[in-house]
């Protein structure tokens, strides 16, 4: 259920290109993703629709905010109004800070989705979960050896076959 909800959120929030990810861009994206870097959506063919992201975020946060507000209302009705104001300021700041984390999470999820989809096209016989790190190592070797783009795919596939 959570996976289908996540998929629906991602397809609603992002504009995804129909064009496949190029081999060289897949290798760069895989390298950056394995290093824990955030990826550029232009190379992987996606763009965040910020208005839709805010809408989804507001809906998701209100699932937690409304019950908490109903429970806390009686407590804050008896407390000094200054405490209520300070708590409101704190939680408002938390909501704005949480949106940044939500946006990063969305970006990481769509990047992994695009990488695995492109992986199935460029490396159909090598599952991403098993060979993602190995291809990253081979790609780093190719960069050090200054392998040209037109020879890169053959070099990586030959090295993958040698490793197995």
Protein backbone atom coordinates (compact mmCIF):
# COMPACT_ATOMS: atom_id res chain seq x y z
CA UNK A 1 0.00 0.00 0.00
CA UNK A 2 2.82 2.41 0.86
CA UNK A 3 4.63 1.61 -2.39
CA UNK A 4 1.54 2.40 -4.48
CA UNK A 5 1.01 5.63 -2.53
CA UNK A 6 4.65 6.58 -3.06
CA UNK A 7 4.36 5.80 -6.79
CA UNK A 8 1.20 7.92 -7.11
CA UNK A 9 2.81 10.82 -5.27
CA UNK A 10 5.91 10.67 -7.46
CA UNK A 11 3.96 10.52 -10.72
CA UNK A 12 1.77 13.41 -9.57
CA UNK A 13 4.59 15.63 -8.31
CA UNK A 14 7.11 15.12 -11.15
CA UNK A 15 7.07 15.76 -14.85
CA UNK A 16 8.95 12.78 -16.30
CA UNK A 17 10.41 12.79 -19.80
CA UNK A 18 9.53 10.05 -22.25
CA UNK A 19 13.07 10.01 -23.61
CA UNK A 20 15.37 7.29 -22.26
CA UNK A 21 18.42 8.14 -20.19
CA UNK A 22 21.62 7.96 -22.23
CA UNK A 23 24.28 5.42 -21.28
CA UNK A 24 26.89 7.97 -20.24
CA UNK A 25 24.35 9.95 -18.20
CA UNK A 26 23.22 6.73 -16.50
CA UNK A 27 26.79 6.00 -15.46
CA UNK A 28 27.28 9.52 -14.10
CA UNK A 29 23.96 9.41 -12.26
CA UNK A 30 24.75 5.99 -10.79
CA UNK A 31 28.13 7.27 -9.62
CA UNK A 32 26.63 10.34 -7.96
CA UNK A 33 23.79 8.34 -6.40
CA UNK A 34 26.21 5.79 -4.94
CA UNK A 35 28.28 8.64 -3.47
CA UNK A 36 25.16 10.02 -1.76
CA UNK A 37 24.97 13.15 -3.90
CA UNK A 38 21.70 14.69 -5.01
CA UNK A 39 21.11 14.38 -8.73
CA UNK A 40 20.24 16.94 -11.34
CA UNK A 41 16.83 16.24 -12.79
CA UNK A 42 17.75 17.56 -16.22
CA UNK A 43 20.14 14.71 -16.96
CA UNK A 44 17.74 12.04 -15.77
CA UNK A 45 14.71 13.60 -17.41
CA UNK A 46 12.52 14.77 -14.55
CA UNK A 47 11.34 18.09 -13.17
CA UNK A 48 9.68 18.84 -9.85
CA UNK A 49 6.32 20.57 -10.03
CA UNK A 50 6.74 22.68 -6.93
CA UNK A 51 3.08 23.65 -6.55
CA UNK A 52 2.01 20.03 -6.58
CA UNK A 53 4.78 19.16 -4.13
CA UNK A 54 3.46 21.80 -1.71
CA UNK A 55 -0.08 20.48 -2.12
CA UNK A 56 0.94 16.88 -1.37
CA UNK A 57 3.08 18.02 1.55
CA UNK A 58 0.24 20.05 3.05
CA UNK A 59 -2.14 17.10 2.74
CA UNK A 60 0.35 14.69 4.30
CA UNK A 61 1.24 17.00 7.18
CA UNK A 62 -2.39 17.72 7.98
CA UNK A 63 -2.96 14.02 8.54
CA UNK A 64 -0.77 14.46 11.64
CA UNK A 65 -1.45 18.11 12.50
CA UNK A 66 -5.25 17.97 12.83
CA UNK A 67 -5.38 15.08 15.36
CA UNK A 68 -2.50 16.62 17.34
CA UNK A 69 -4.22 20.02 17.36
CA UNK A 70 -7.48 18.48 18.56
CA UNK A 71 -5.69 16.71 21.39
CA UNK A 72 -3.53 19.68 22.36
CA UNK A 73 -6.35 22.24 22.15
CA UNK A 74 -7.63 21.60 25.67
CA UNK A 75 -4.12 21.80 27.10
CA UNK A 76 -3.29 25.08 25.38
CA UNK A 77 -6.67 26.59 26.28
CA UNK A 78 -5.64 26.44 29.95
CA UNK A 79 -2.03 27.63 29.43
CA UNK A 80 -0.80 31.19 29.07
CA UNK A 81 -1.22 32.54 25.53
CA UNK A 82 2.50 33.32 25.26
CA UNK A 83 3.35 29.63 25.57
CA UNK A 84 0.83 28.85 22.85
CA UNK A 85 2.41 31.45 20.58
CA UNK A 86 5.91 30.06 21.16
CA UNK A 87 4.75 26.50 20.48
CA UNK A 88 2.99 27.65 17.29
CA UNK A 89 6.17 29.38 16.11
CA UNK A 90 8.21 26.27 16.84
CA UNK A 91 5.87 23.92 14.98
CA UNK A 92 5.55 26.31 12.04
CA UNK A 93 9.34 26.33 11.73
CA UNK A 94 9.37 22.55 11.94
CA UNK A 95 6.85 22.30 9.10
CA UNK A 96 8.91 24.57 6.83
CA UNK A 97 12.11 22.69 7.65
CA UNK A 98 10.39 19.38 7.02
CA UNK A 99 9.36 20.46 3.52
CA UNK A 100 13.03 20.67 2.53
CA UNK A 101 13.56 17.10 3.71
CA UNK A 102 10.40 15.99 1.89
CA UNK A 103 11.64 17.60 -1.31
CA UNK A 104 15.04 15.87 -1.02
CA UNK A 105 13.34 12.53 -0.35
CA UNK A 106 11.18 12.96 -3.45
CA UNK A 107 14.23 13.82 -5.54
CA UNK A 108 16.14 10.76 -4.29
CA UNK A 109 13.20 8.45 -4.94
CA UNK A 110 12.63 9.62 -8.51
CA UNK A 111 16.37 9.51 -9.21
CA UNK A 112 16.57 5.90 -8.08
CA UNK A 113 13.46 5.13 -10.10
CA UNK A 114 14.94 6.66 -13.26
CA UNK A 115 18.31 4.94 -12.71
CA UNK A 116 16.74 1.50 -12.29
CA UNK A 117 14.50 2.03 -15.32
CA UNK A 118 17.45 3.07 -17.49
CA UNK A 119 19.50 0.23 -16.03
CA UNK A 120 17.00 -2.30 -17.38
CA UNK A 121 17.50 -0.83 -20.86
CA UNK A 122 21.31 -0.58 -20.86
CA UNK A 123 22.17 -3.58 -18.65
CA UNK A 124 19.26 -6.03 -19.08
CA UNK A 125 21.25 -9.07 -17.91
CA UNK A 126 22.80 -7.44 -14.85
CA UNK A 127 20.40 -6.58 -11.99
CA UNK A 128 20.95 -3.12 -10.51
CA UNK A 129 20.94 -4.31 -6.89
CA UNK A 130 23.82 -6.70 -7.58
CA UNK A 131 25.85 -4.82 -10.19
CA UNK A 132 25.25 -1.15 -9.42
CA UNK A 133 28.37 -0.79 -7.27
CA UNK A 134 30.50 -2.93 -9.60
CA UNK A 135 29.60 -0.78 -12.60
CA UNK A 136 30.42 2.31 -10.55
CA UNK A 137 33.90 0.94 -9.80
CA UNK A 138 34.44 0.02 -13.46
CA UNK A 139 33.24 3.46 -14.54
CA UNK A 140 35.73 5.09 -12.16
CA UNK A 141 38.49 2.96 -13.68
CA UNK A 142 37.39 4.04 -17.15
CA UNK A 143 37.59 7.69 -16.13
CA UNK A 144 41.11 7.19 -14.77
CA UNK A 145 42.15 5.34 -17.97
CA UNK A 146 40.54 8.12 -20.06
CA UNK A 147 38.31 5.76 -22.05
CA UNK A 148 36.37 7.64 -24.74
CA UNK A 149 32.57 7.79 -24.66
CA UNK A 150 32.15 5.70 -27.79
CA UNK A 151 34.24 2.87 -26.30
CA UNK A 152 32.85 3.16 -22.77
CA UNK A 153 29.93 0.77 -23.12
CA UNK A 154 32.05 -1.99 -24.59
CA UNK A 155 34.74 -1.47 -21.93
CA UNK A 156 32.22 -1.70 -19.08
CA UNK A 157 30.45 -4.75 -20.49
CA UNK A 158 33.75 -6.54 -21.09
CA UNK A 159 34.86 -5.79 -17.53
CA UNK A 160 31.53 -6.97 -16.12
CA UNK A 161 31.89 -10.26 -17.93
CA UNK A 162 35.46 -10.63 -16.62
CA UNK A 163 34.33 -9.98 -13.03
CA UNK A 164 31.71 -12.72 -13.18
